[in-house]
Amino acid sequence: MSNWLVTGISRGFGKQLSEELLKNGHRVAGTTRNGLSDLRHANLTVFKLDVTNPEDVHAAVLDIIETVGPIDVVVNNAGFGMVGAVEEVSPDEARHVFATNVFGTLNVIQAVLPSLREQRSGLIINFSSVGGMAGSAGFGIYNATKFAVEGMSEALALEVNPFGIRVMIVEPGYFRTEFLSSQSMSKAERVIEDYASTAGVTRANVGSRDGSQSGDPAKAVQVIIAAAESEFPPLRLPLGADAFARIDEKIAKVQSDMAAWRERATATAFEP
């Protein structure tokens, strides 16, 4: 039995993961914005938490440790999506999604690290997305938040490795959670007709795809738990055949660009 802190357990992967963890005999400290959850289990304790408020986060983590005990695994799952062309998303809309997806993750990491460093162990799981590895028209600002989570996680893994703390980035493709629903996906208020054939297509399709995604979240969370409990958790864990396909395509494109320009772009040093 281990103690897991999971943010955002009201729906989606957070809820599914918590259910599987409880089924497997683990203790879960789950958080929601209002402190309520329809999950019921003797090993579940629900805490009210707004991840965008650093003071709230630090106080909640201290309360969780005092109530549940030392944390073994931290799962930064809380977040939401934003649809709109980069030009369409207002600064306030962008700041709102960054506040949760990036700074919310940062707040939780900074709050839990003192105790993890003291115990010289732990695993931090940060939810990214295949959109944290490859951009898509209409998801530019969401992509930006997940690219930020990826970069922060890579650096964090190097920083905390000497303390026996591991970091894992989860990169799901399309799974049948509520992520594409209006509860988890915001749309930019501004619409520019010039983007109808690119970001506009994404905007139009988001709602219609909800509930028809090929990925089974119940199977996905089993993979997450297996990876977390393995001797060497991977830094990156793509989930779903679509995620692997898009990441493979991205890597191939990067390699192609590098090969085409390597000779000229590397001949940029001062002459001896």
C-alpha atoms as a PDB file:
ATOM      1  CA  MET A   1       0.000   0.000   0.000  1.00  0.00           C
ATOM      2  CA  SER A   2       1.294   3.460  -0.879  1.00  0.00           C
ATOM      3  CA  ASN A   3      -0.031   6.996  -0.507  1.00  0.00           C
ATOM      4  CA  TRP A   4      -0.991   8.804  -3.711  1.00  0.00           C
ATOM      5  CA  LEU A   5      -1.867  12.485  -4.026  1.00  0.00           C
ATOM      6  CA  VAL A   6      -4.021  13.007  -7.137  1.00  0.00           C
ATOM      7  CA  THR A   7      -5.233  16.459  -8.168  1.00  0.00           C
ATOM      8  CA  GLY A   8      -8.466  16.893 -10.071  1.00  0.00           C
ATOM      9  CA  ILE A   9     -10.369  13.698  -9.230  1.00  0.00           C
ATOM     10  CA  SER A  10     -13.839  14.987 -10.089  1.00  0.00           C
ATOM     11  CA  ARG A  11     -13.742  13.578 -13.622  1.00  0.00           C
ATOM     12  CA  GLY A  12     -11.585  12.119 -16.375  1.00  0.00           C
ATOM     13  CA  PHE A  13      -8.229  10.511 -15.763  1.00  0.00           C
ATOM     14  CA  GLY A  14      -8.037  11.766 -12.186  1.00  0.00           C
ATOM     15  CA  LYS A  15     -11.239  10.001 -11.223  1.00  0.00           C
ATOM     16  CA  GLN A  16     -10.460   6.838 -13.194  1.00  0.00           C
ATOM     17  CA  LEU A  17      -6.945   6.629 -11.763  1.00  0.00           C
ATOM     18  CA  SER A  18      -8.208   7.097  -8.207  1.00  0.00           C
ATOM     19  CA  GLU A  19     -10.774   4.322  -8.631  1.00  0.00           C
ATOM     20  CA  GLU A  20      -8.119   1.916  -9.901  1.00  0.00           C
ATOM     21  CA  LEU A  21      -5.680   2.836  -7.132  1.00  0.00           C
ATOM     22  CA  LEU A  22      -8.322   2.248  -4.460  1.00  0.00           C
ATOM     23  CA  LYS A  23      -9.222  -1.073  -6.075  1.00  0.00           C
ATOM     24  CA  ASN A  24      -5.533  -2.032  -5.842  1.00  0.00           C
ATOM     25  CA  GLY A  25      -5.360  -1.262  -2.120  1.00  0.00           C
ATOM     26  CA  HIS A  26      -3.599   2.107  -2.197  1.00  0.00           C
ATOM     27  CA  ARG A  27      -4.529   5.195  -0.178  1.00  0.00           C
ATOM     28  CA  VAL A  28      -5.579   8.248  -2.196  1.00  0.00           C
ATOM     29  CA  ALA A  29      -5.617  11.883  -1.163  1.00  0.00           C
ATOM     30  CA  GLY A  30      -7.721  13.376  -3.937  1.00  0.00           C
ATOM     31  CA  THR A  31      -8.371  17.035  -4.585  1.00  0.00           C
ATOM     32  CA  THR A  32     -11.246  18.922  -6.192  1.00  0.00           C
ATOM     33  CA  ARG A  33     -11.985  22.633  -6.414  1.00  0.00           C
ATOM     34  CA  ASN A  34     -14.986  22.338  -4.084  1.00  0.00           C
ATOM     35  CA  GLY A  35     -13.746  19.532  -1.841  1.00  0.00           C
ATOM     36  CA  LEU A  36     -16.529  17.189  -3.001  1.00  0.00           C
ATOM     37  CA  SER A  37     -16.432  13.903  -4.895  1.00  0.00           C
ATOM     38  CA  ASP A  38     -18.895  11.149  -5.693  1.00  0.00           C
ATOM     39  CA  LEU A  39     -16.147   8.583  -5.052  1.00  0.00           C
ATOM     40  CA  ARG A  40     -16.574   6.724  -1.777  1.00  0.00           C
ATOM     41  CA  HIS A  41     -13.918   4.503  -0.208  1.00  0.00           C
ATOM     42  CA  ALA A  42     -12.347   3.991   3.211  1.00  0.00           C
ATOM     43  CA  ASN A  43      -8.902   4.705   1.745  1.00  0.00           C
ATOM     44  CA  LEU A  44      -9.967   7.924  -0.007  1.00  0.00           C
ATOM     45  CA  THR A  45      -9.722  11.360   1.583  1.00  0.00           C
ATOM     46  CA  VAL A  46     -10.930  14.328  -0.457  1.00  0.00           C
ATOM     47  CA  PHE A  47      -9.428  17.773   0.018  1.00  0.00           C
ATOM     48  CA  LYS A  48     -10.558  21.144  -1.318  1.00  0.00           C
ATOM     49  CA  LEU A  49      -7.823  22.653  -3.449  1.00  0.00           C
ATOM     50  CA  ASP A  50      -7.431  25.410  -5.999  1.00  0.00           C
ATOM     51  CA  VAL A  51      -4.094  24.573  -7.602  1.00  0.00           C
ATOM     52  CA  THR A  52      -3.731  28.137  -8.912  1.00  0.00           C
ATOM     53  CA  ASN A  53      -3.393  29.508  -5.367  1.00  0.00           C
ATOM     54  CA  PRO A  54       0.136  28.811  -3.996  1.00  0.00           C
ATOM     55  CA  GLU A  55      -0.838  29.471  -0.366  1.00  0.00           C
ATOM     56  CA  ASP A  56      -3.807  27.091  -0.668  1.00  0.00           C
ATOM     57  CA  VAL A  57      -1.601  24.427  -2.201  1.00  0.00           C
ATOM     58  CA  HIS A  58       1.081  24.592   0.495  1.00  0.00           C
ATOM     59  CA  ALA A  59      -1.531  24.499   3.278  1.00  0.00           C
ATOM     60  CA  ALA A  60      -3.371  21.585   1.640  1.00  0.00           C
ATOM     61  CA  VAL A  61      -0.190  19.537   1.193  1.00  0.00           C
ATOM     62  CA  LEU A  62       0.693  19.979   4.874  1.00  0.00           C
ATOM     63  CA  ASP A  63      -2.866  18.927   5.787  1.00  0.00           C
ATOM     64  CA  ILE A  64      -2.647  15.893   3.487  1.00  0.00           C
ATOM     65  CA  ILE A  65       0.652  14.731   4.983  1.00  0.00           C
ATOM     66  CA  GLU A  66      -0.684  15.211   8.519  1.00  0.00           C
ATOM     67  CA  THR A  67      -3.926  13.352   7.678  1.00  0.00           C
ATOM     68  CA  VAL A  68      -2.782  10.584   5.341  1.00  0.00           C
ATOM     69  CA  GLY A  69       0.936  10.313   6.038  1.00  0.00           C
ATOM     70  CA  PRO A  70       4.019  10.707   3.835  1.00  0.00           C
ATOM     71  CA  ILE A  71       3.245  10.990   0.134  1.00  0.00           C
ATOM     72  CA  ASP A  72       4.751   8.352  -2.144  1.00  0.00           C
ATOM     73  CA  VAL A  73       3.353   9.425  -5.520  1.00  0.00           C
ATOM     74  CA  VAL A  74       2.134  12.858  -6.623  1.00  0.00           C
ATOM     75  CA  VAL A  75      -0.085  13.073  -9.716  1.00  0.00           C
ATOM     76  CA  ASN A  76      -0.542  16.510 -11.277  1.00  0.00           C
ATOM     77  CA  ASN A  77      -3.689  15.851 -13.262  1.00  0.00           C
ATOM     78  CA  ALA A  78      -5.756  19.029 -12.765  1.00  0.00           C
ATOM     79  CA  GLY A  79      -6.053  21.018 -15.978  1.00  0.00           C
ATOM     80  CA  PHE A  80      -8.264  21.932 -18.910  1.00  0.00           C
ATOM     81  CA  GLY A  81      -8.102  22.568 -22.644  1.00  0.00           C
ATOM     82  CA  MET A  82      -8.402  25.667 -24.808  1.00  0.00           C
ATOM     83  CA  VAL A  83      -9.541  25.679 -28.437  1.00  0.00           C
ATOM     84  CA  GLY A  84      -8.845  28.597 -30.734  1.00  0.00           C
ATOM     85  CA  ALA A  85      -6.267  29.834 -33.191  1.00  0.00           C
ATOM     86  CA  VAL A  86      -3.306  31.499 -31.527  1.00  0.00           C
ATOM     87  CA  GLU A  87      -4.519  34.866 -32.853  1.00  0.00           C
ATOM     88  CA  GLU A  88      -8.047  34.253 -31.521  1.00  0.00           C
ATOM     89  CA  VAL A  89      -7.157  33.486 -27.891  1.00  0.00           C
ATOM     90  CA  SER A  90      -7.193  36.613 -25.742  1.00  0.00           C
ATOM     91  CA  PRO A  91      -4.398  37.323 -23.235  1.00  0.00           C
ATOM     92  CA  ASP A  92      -6.814  36.762 -20.347  1.00  0.00           C
ATOM     93  CA  GLU A  93      -7.962  33.419 -21.789  1.00  0.00           C
ATOM     94  CA  ALA A  94      -4.342  32.343 -22.267  1.00  0.00           C
ATOM     95  CA  ARG A  95      -3.366  33.402 -18.753  1.00  0.00           C
ATOM     96  CA  HIS A  96      -6.293  31.427 -17.323  1.00  0.00           C
ATOM     97  CA  VAL A  97      -5.244  28.141 -18.915  1.00  0.00           C
ATOM     98  CA  PHE A  98      -1.566  28.730 -18.071  1.00  0.00           C
ATOM     99  CA  ALA A  99      -2.535  29.444 -14.453  1.00  0.00           C
ATOM    100  CA  THR A 100      -3.969  25.950 -14.065  1.00  0.00           C
ATOM    101  CA  ASN A 101      -1.988  23.768 -16.461  1.00  0.00           C
ATOM    102  CA  VAL A 102       1.473  25.229 -15.816  1.00  0.00           C
ATOM    103  CA  PHE A 103       1.501  27.262 -12.620  1.00  0.00           C
ATOM    104  CA  GLY A 104      -0.922  24.895 -10.892  1.00  0.00           C
ATOM    105  CA  THR A 105       1.465  22.024 -11.617  1.00  0.00           C
ATOM    106  CA  LEU A 106       4.400  24.145 -10.447  1.00  0.00           C
ATOM    107  CA  ASN A 107       2.599  25.077  -7.224  1.00  0.00           C
ATOM    108  CA  VAL A 108       1.971  21.438  -6.315  1.00  0.00           C
ATOM    109  CA  ILE A 109       5.542  20.420  -7.173  1.00  0.00           C
ATOM    110  CA  GLN A 110       7.034  23.162  -5.007  1.00  0.00           C
ATOM    111  CA  ALA A 111       4.700  22.299  -2.129  1.00  0.00           C
ATOM    112  CA  VAL A 112       5.483  18.560  -2.067  1.00  0.00           C
ATOM    113  CA  LEU A 113       9.223  18.649  -2.750  1.00  0.00           C
ATOM    114  CA  PRO A 114      10.380  19.569   0.784  1.00  0.00           C
ATOM    115  CA  SER A 115       8.810  16.395   2.194  1.00  0.00           C
ATOM    116  CA  LEU A 116       9.931  14.235  -0.739  1.00  0.00           C
ATOM    117  CA  ARG A 117      13.505  15.519  -0.400  1.00  0.00           C
ATOM    118  CA  GLU A 118      13.438  14.841   3.325  1.00  0.00           C
ATOM    119  CA  GLN A 119      12.296  11.237   2.845  1.00  0.00           C
ATOM    120  CA  ARG A 120      14.687  10.814  -0.140  1.00  0.00           C
ATOM    121  CA  SER A 121      12.052   9.070  -2.223  1.00  0.00           C
ATOM    122  CA  GLY A 122       8.943   9.641  -4.271  1.00  0.00           C
ATOM    123  CA  LEU A 123       7.526   9.834  -7.774  1.00  0.00           C
ATOM    124  CA  ILE A 124       6.054  12.934  -9.413  1.00  0.00           C
ATOM    125  CA  ILE A 125       3.708  12.205 -12.327  1.00  0.00           C
ATOM    126  CA  ASN A 126       2.858  15.223 -14.468  1.00  0.00           C
ATOM    127  CA  PHE A 127       0.009  14.903 -16.941  1.00  0.00           C
ATOM    128  CA  SER A 128       0.951  16.353 -20.284  1.00  0.00           C
ATOM    129  CA  SER A 129      -0.581  15.213 -23.572  1.00  0.00           C
ATOM    130  CA  VAL A 130       0.471  14.121 -27.019  1.00  0.00           C
ATOM    131  CA  GLY A 131      -0.158  17.840 -27.531  1.00  0.00           C
ATOM    132  CA  GLY A 132       2.867  18.453 -25.340  1.00  0.00           C
ATOM    133  CA  MET A 133       5.021  16.831 -28.013  1.00  0.00           C
ATOM    134  CA  ALA A 134       3.277  17.896 -31.245  1.00  0.00           C
ATOM    135  CA  GLY A 135       1.252  20.999 -31.989  1.00  0.00           C
ATOM    136  CA  SER A 136      -2.171  21.026 -33.660  1.00  0.00           C
ATOM    137  CA  ALA A 137      -4.091  23.807 -35.379  1.00  0.00           C
ATOM    138  CA  GLY A 138      -6.625  25.173 -32.920  1.00  0.00           C
ATOM    139  CA  PHE A 139      -4.795  23.921 -29.835  1.00  0.00           C
ATOM    140  CA  GLY A 140      -1.828  26.320 -29.906  1.00  0.00           C
ATOM    141  CA  ILE A 141      -2.257  27.802 -26.423  1.00  0.00           C
ATOM    142  CA  TYR A 142      -3.080  24.406 -24.908  1.00  0.00           C
ATOM    143  CA  ASN A 143      -0.017  22.994 -26.710  1.00  0.00           C
ATOM    144  CA  ALA A 144       2.058  25.812 -25.208  1.00  0.00           C
ATOM    145  CA  THR A 145       0.995  24.878 -21.669  1.00  0.00           C
ATOM    146  CA  LYS A 146       1.823  21.220 -22.173  1.00  0.00           C
ATOM    147  CA  PHE A 147       5.149  21.984 -23.891  1.00  0.00           C
ATOM    148  CA  ALA A 148       5.932  24.018 -20.751  1.00  0.00           C
ATOM    149  CA  VAL A 149       5.030  21.080 -18.506  1.00  0.00           C
ATOM    150  CA  GLU A 150       7.312  18.830 -20.574  1.00  0.00           C
ATOM    151  CA  GLY A 151      10.305  21.181 -20.325  1.00  0.00           C
ATOM    152  CA  MET A 152       9.787  21.784 -16.615  1.00  0.00           C
ATOM    153  CA  SER A 153       9.485  18.042 -16.001  1.00  0.00           C
ATOM    154  CA  GLU A 154      12.679  17.228 -17.921  1.00  0.00           C
ATOM    155  CA  ALA A 155      14.684  19.717 -15.861  1.00  0.00           C
ATOM    156  CA  LEU A 156      12.986  18.626 -12.641  1.00  0.00           C
ATOM    157  CA  ALA A 157      13.928  14.999 -13.287  1.00  0.00           C
ATOM    158  CA  LEU A 158      17.599  15.963 -13.456  1.00  0.00           C
ATOM    159  CA  GLU A 159      17.376  18.134 -10.340  1.00  0.00           C
ATOM    160  CA  VAL A 160      15.671  15.633  -8.037  1.00  0.00           C
ATOM    161  CA  ASN A 161      17.320  12.423  -9.230  1.00  0.00           C
ATOM    162  CA  PRO A 162      20.107  12.656  -6.587  1.00  0.00           C
ATOM    163  CA  PHE A 163      17.408  12.602  -3.894  1.00  0.00           C
ATOM    164  CA  GLY A 164      15.886   9.333  -5.085  1.00  0.00           C
ATOM    165  CA  ILE A 165      12.873  11.159  -6.551  1.00  0.00           C
ATOM    166  CA  ARG A 166      11.661  10.192 -10.015  1.00  0.00           C
ATOM    167  CA  VAL A 167       9.579  12.131 -12.547  1.00  0.00           C
ATOM    168  CA  MET A 168       7.216  10.709 -15.161  1.00  0.00           C
ATOM    169  CA  ILE A 169       5.394  12.640 -17.891  1.00  0.00           C
ATOM    170  CA  VAL A 170       2.124  11.068 -19.074  1.00  0.00           C
ATOM    171  CA  GLU A 171       1.211  11.891 -22.691  1.00  0.00           C
ATOM    172  CA  PRO A 172      -2.281  10.602 -23.552  1.00  0.00           C
ATOM    173  CA  GLY A 173      -3.753  10.684 -27.018  1.00  0.00           C
ATOM    174  CA  TYR A 174      -7.535  10.726 -27.419  1.00  0.00           C
ATOM    175  CA  PHE A 175      -9.257   8.799 -24.637  1.00  0.00           C
ATOM    176  CA  ARG A 176     -12.940   8.555 -23.819  1.00  0.00           C
ATOM    177  CA  THR A 177     -12.850  10.883 -20.830  1.00  0.00           C
ATOM    178  CA  GLU A 178     -14.797  14.141 -20.475  1.00  0.00           C
ATOM    179  CA  PHE A 179     -11.793  16.144 -21.684  1.00  0.00           C
ATOM    180  CA  LEU A 180     -13.547  17.268 -24.884  1.00  0.00           C
ATOM    181  CA  SER A 181     -16.731  18.220 -23.021  1.00  0.00           C
ATOM    182  CA  SER A 182     -17.633  21.817 -22.184  1.00  0.00           C
ATOM    183  CA  GLN A 183     -16.654  21.125 -18.563  1.00  0.00           C
ATOM    184  CA  SER A 184     -13.016  20.533 -19.507  1.00  0.00           C
ATOM    185  CA  MET A 185     -12.580  22.362 -22.811  1.00  0.00           C
ATOM    186  CA  SER A 186     -12.886  26.123 -23.241  1.00  0.00           C
ATOM    187  CA  LYS A 187     -13.235  27.875 -26.586  1.00  0.00           C
ATOM    188  CA  ALA A 188     -11.780  31.247 -27.448  1.00  0.00           C
ATOM    189  CA  GLU A 189     -14.501  33.865 -27.525  1.00  0.00           C
ATOM    190  CA  ARG A 190     -13.064  35.545 -30.623  1.00  0.00           C
ATOM    191  CA  VAL A 191     -13.592  33.825 -33.995  1.00  0.00           C
ATOM    192  CA  ILE A 192     -11.664  34.892 -37.117  1.00  0.00           C
ATOM    193  CA  GLU A 193     -13.144  33.529 -40.329  1.00  0.00           C
ATOM    194  CA  ASP A 194      -9.748  33.261 -42.055  1.00  0.00           C
ATOM    195  CA  TYR A 195      -8.988  30.284 -39.755  1.00  0.00           C
ATOM    196  CA  ALA A 196     -12.145  28.363 -40.720  1.00  0.00           C
ATOM    197  CA  SER A 197     -10.184  25.681 -42.594  1.00  0.00           C
ATOM    198  CA  THR A 198      -7.575  25.137 -39.848  1.00  0.00           C
ATOM    199  CA  ALA A 199      -8.341  26.047 -36.240  1.00  0.00           C
ATOM    200  CA  GLY A 200     -12.004  26.418 -37.173  1.00  0.00           C
ATOM    201  CA  VAL A 201     -12.231  22.744 -38.080  1.00  0.00           C
ATOM    202  CA  THR A 202     -10.842  21.824 -34.669  1.00  0.00           C
ATOM    203  CA  ARG A 203     -13.291  24.168 -32.962  1.00  0.00           C
ATOM    204  CA  ALA A 204     -16.225  22.619 -34.836  1.00  0.00           C
ATOM    205  CA  ASN A 205     -15.167  19.020 -34.195  1.00  0.00           C
ATOM    206  CA  VAL A 206     -14.286  19.154 -30.494  1.00  0.00           C
ATOM    207  CA  GLY A 207     -17.780  18.652 -29.113  1.00  0.00           C
ATOM    208  CA  SER A 208     -18.816  16.061 -31.693  1.00  0.00           C
ATOM    209  CA  ARG A 209     -15.835  13.824 -30.881  1.00  0.00           C
ATOM    210  CA  ASP A 210     -16.609  13.699 -27.161  1.00  0.00           C
ATOM    211  CA  GLY A 211     -17.614  10.154 -26.235  1.00  0.00           C
ATOM    212  CA  SER A 212     -16.347   8.560 -29.437  1.00  0.00           C
ATOM    213  CA  GLN A 213     -12.600   8.534 -28.735  1.00  0.00           C
ATOM    214  CA  SER A 214     -10.960   5.156 -29.292  1.00  0.00           C
ATOM    215  CA  GLY A 215      -8.887   5.136 -26.096  1.00  0.00           C
ATOM    216  CA  ASP A 216     -10.186   3.285 -23.022  1.00  0.00           C
ATOM    217  CA  PRO A 217      -9.206   5.269 -19.881  1.00  0.00           C
ATOM    218  CA  ALA A 218      -9.629   2.198 -17.667  1.00  0.00           C
ATOM    219  CA  LYS A 219      -6.844   0.450 -19.584  1.00  0.00           C
ATOM    220  CA  ALA A 220      -4.732   3.615 -19.639  1.00  0.00           C
ATOM    221  CA  VAL A 221      -4.684   4.046 -15.859  1.00  0.00           C
ATOM    222  CA  GLN A 222      -3.578   0.432 -15.449  1.00  0.00           C
ATOM    223  CA  VAL A 223      -0.556   1.228 -17.637  1.00  0.00           C
ATOM    224  CA  ILE A 224       0.168   4.370 -15.606  1.00  0.00           C
ATOM    225  CA  ILE A 225       0.127   2.435 -12.339  1.00  0.00           C
ATOM    226  CA  ALA A 226       2.273  -0.360 -13.791  1.00  0.00           C
ATOM    227  CA  ALA A 227       4.837   2.179 -15.008  1.00  0.00           C
ATOM    228  CA  ALA A 228       4.802   4.001 -11.669  1.00  0.00           C
ATOM    229  CA  GLU A 229       5.401   0.751  -9.792  1.00  0.00           C
ATOM    230  CA  SER A 230       8.151  -0.464 -12.145  1.00  0.00           C
ATOM    231  CA  GLU A 231      11.782  -0.449 -11.060  1.00  0.00           C
ATOM    232  CA  PHE A 232      12.640   2.282 -13.559  1.00  0.00           C
ATOM    233  CA  PRO A 233       9.622   4.485 -14.347  1.00  0.00           C
ATOM    234  CA  PRO A 234      10.021   6.077 -17.798  1.00  0.00           C
ATOM    235  CA  LEU A 235      10.492   9.829 -18.087  1.00  0.00           C
ATOM    236  CA  ARG A 236       7.855   9.841 -20.839  1.00  0.00           C
ATOM    237  CA  LEU A 237       4.828   7.569 -21.075  1.00  0.00           C
ATOM    238  CA  PRO A 238       2.790   8.091 -24.268  1.00  0.00           C
ATOM    239  CA  LEU A 239      -0.643   6.467 -24.092  1.00  0.00           C
ATOM    240  CA  GLY A 240      -2.567   5.190 -27.084  1.00  0.00           C
ATOM    241  CA  ALA A 241      -1.608   4.173 -30.601  1.00  0.00           C
ATOM    242  CA  ASP A 242      -2.525   7.655 -31.851  1.00  0.00           C
ATOM    243  CA  ALA A 243      -0.086   9.253 -29.404  1.00  0.00           C
ATOM    244  CA  PHE A 244       2.763   7.001 -30.545  1.00  0.00           C
ATOM    245  CA  ALA A 245       1.945   7.702 -34.206  1.00  0.00           C
ATOM    246  CA  ARG A 246       1.962  11.476 -33.750  1.00  0.00           C
ATOM    247  CA  ILE A 247       5.163  11.458 -31.716  1.00  0.00           C
ATOM    248  CA  ASP A 248       6.864   9.201 -34.286  1.00  0.00           C
ATOM    249  CA  GLU A 249       5.770  11.641 -37.008  1.00  0.00           C
ATOM    250  CA  LYS A 250       7.101  14.608 -35.012  1.00  0.00           C
ATOM    251  CA  ILE A 251      10.471  12.942 -34.413  1.00  0.00           C
ATOM    252  CA  ALA A 252      10.777  12.077 -38.106  1.00  0.00           C
ATOM    253  CA  LYS A 253      10.020  15.700 -39.074  1.00  0.00           C
ATOM    254  CA  VAL A 254      12.606  17.033 -36.595  1.00  0.00           C
ATOM    255  CA  GLN A 255      15.211  14.615 -37.922  1.00  0.00           C
ATOM    256  CA  SER A 256      14.386  15.622 -41.504  1.00  0.00           C
ATOM    257  CA  ASP A 257      14.756  19.338 -40.731  1.00  0.00           C
ATOM    258  CA  MET A 258      18.038  18.715 -38.927  1.00  0.00           C
ATOM    259  CA  ALA A 259      19.467  16.604 -41.756  1.00  0.00           C
ATOM    260  CA  ALA A 260      18.542  19.203 -44.390  1.00  0.00           C
ATOM    261  CA  TRP A 261      20.272  22.061 -42.581  1.00  0.00           C
ATOM    262  CA  ARG A 262      22.878  20.339 -40.392  1.00  0.00           C
ATOM    263  CA  GLU A 263      25.948  21.106 -42.541  1.00  0.00           C
ATOM    264  CA  ARG A 264      25.238  24.794 -42.945  1.00  0.00           C
ATOM    265  CA  ALA A 265      23.758  25.377 -39.473  1.00  0.00           C
ATOM    266  CA  THR A 266      26.668  23.723 -37.663  1.00  0.00           C
ATOM    267  CA  ALA A 267      29.286  25.719 -39.600  1.00  0.00           C
ATOM    268  CA  THR A 268      28.595  28.718 -37.387  1.00  0.00           C
ATOM    269  CA  ALA A 269      31.627  28.773 -35.058  1.00  0.00           C
ATOM    270  CA  PHE A 270      34.280  31.461 -35.104  1.00  0.00           C
ATOM    271  CA  GLU A 271      37.094  30.696 -37.506  1.00  0.00           C
ATOM    272  CA  PRO A 272      40.194  29.344 -35.702  1.00  0.00           C
END
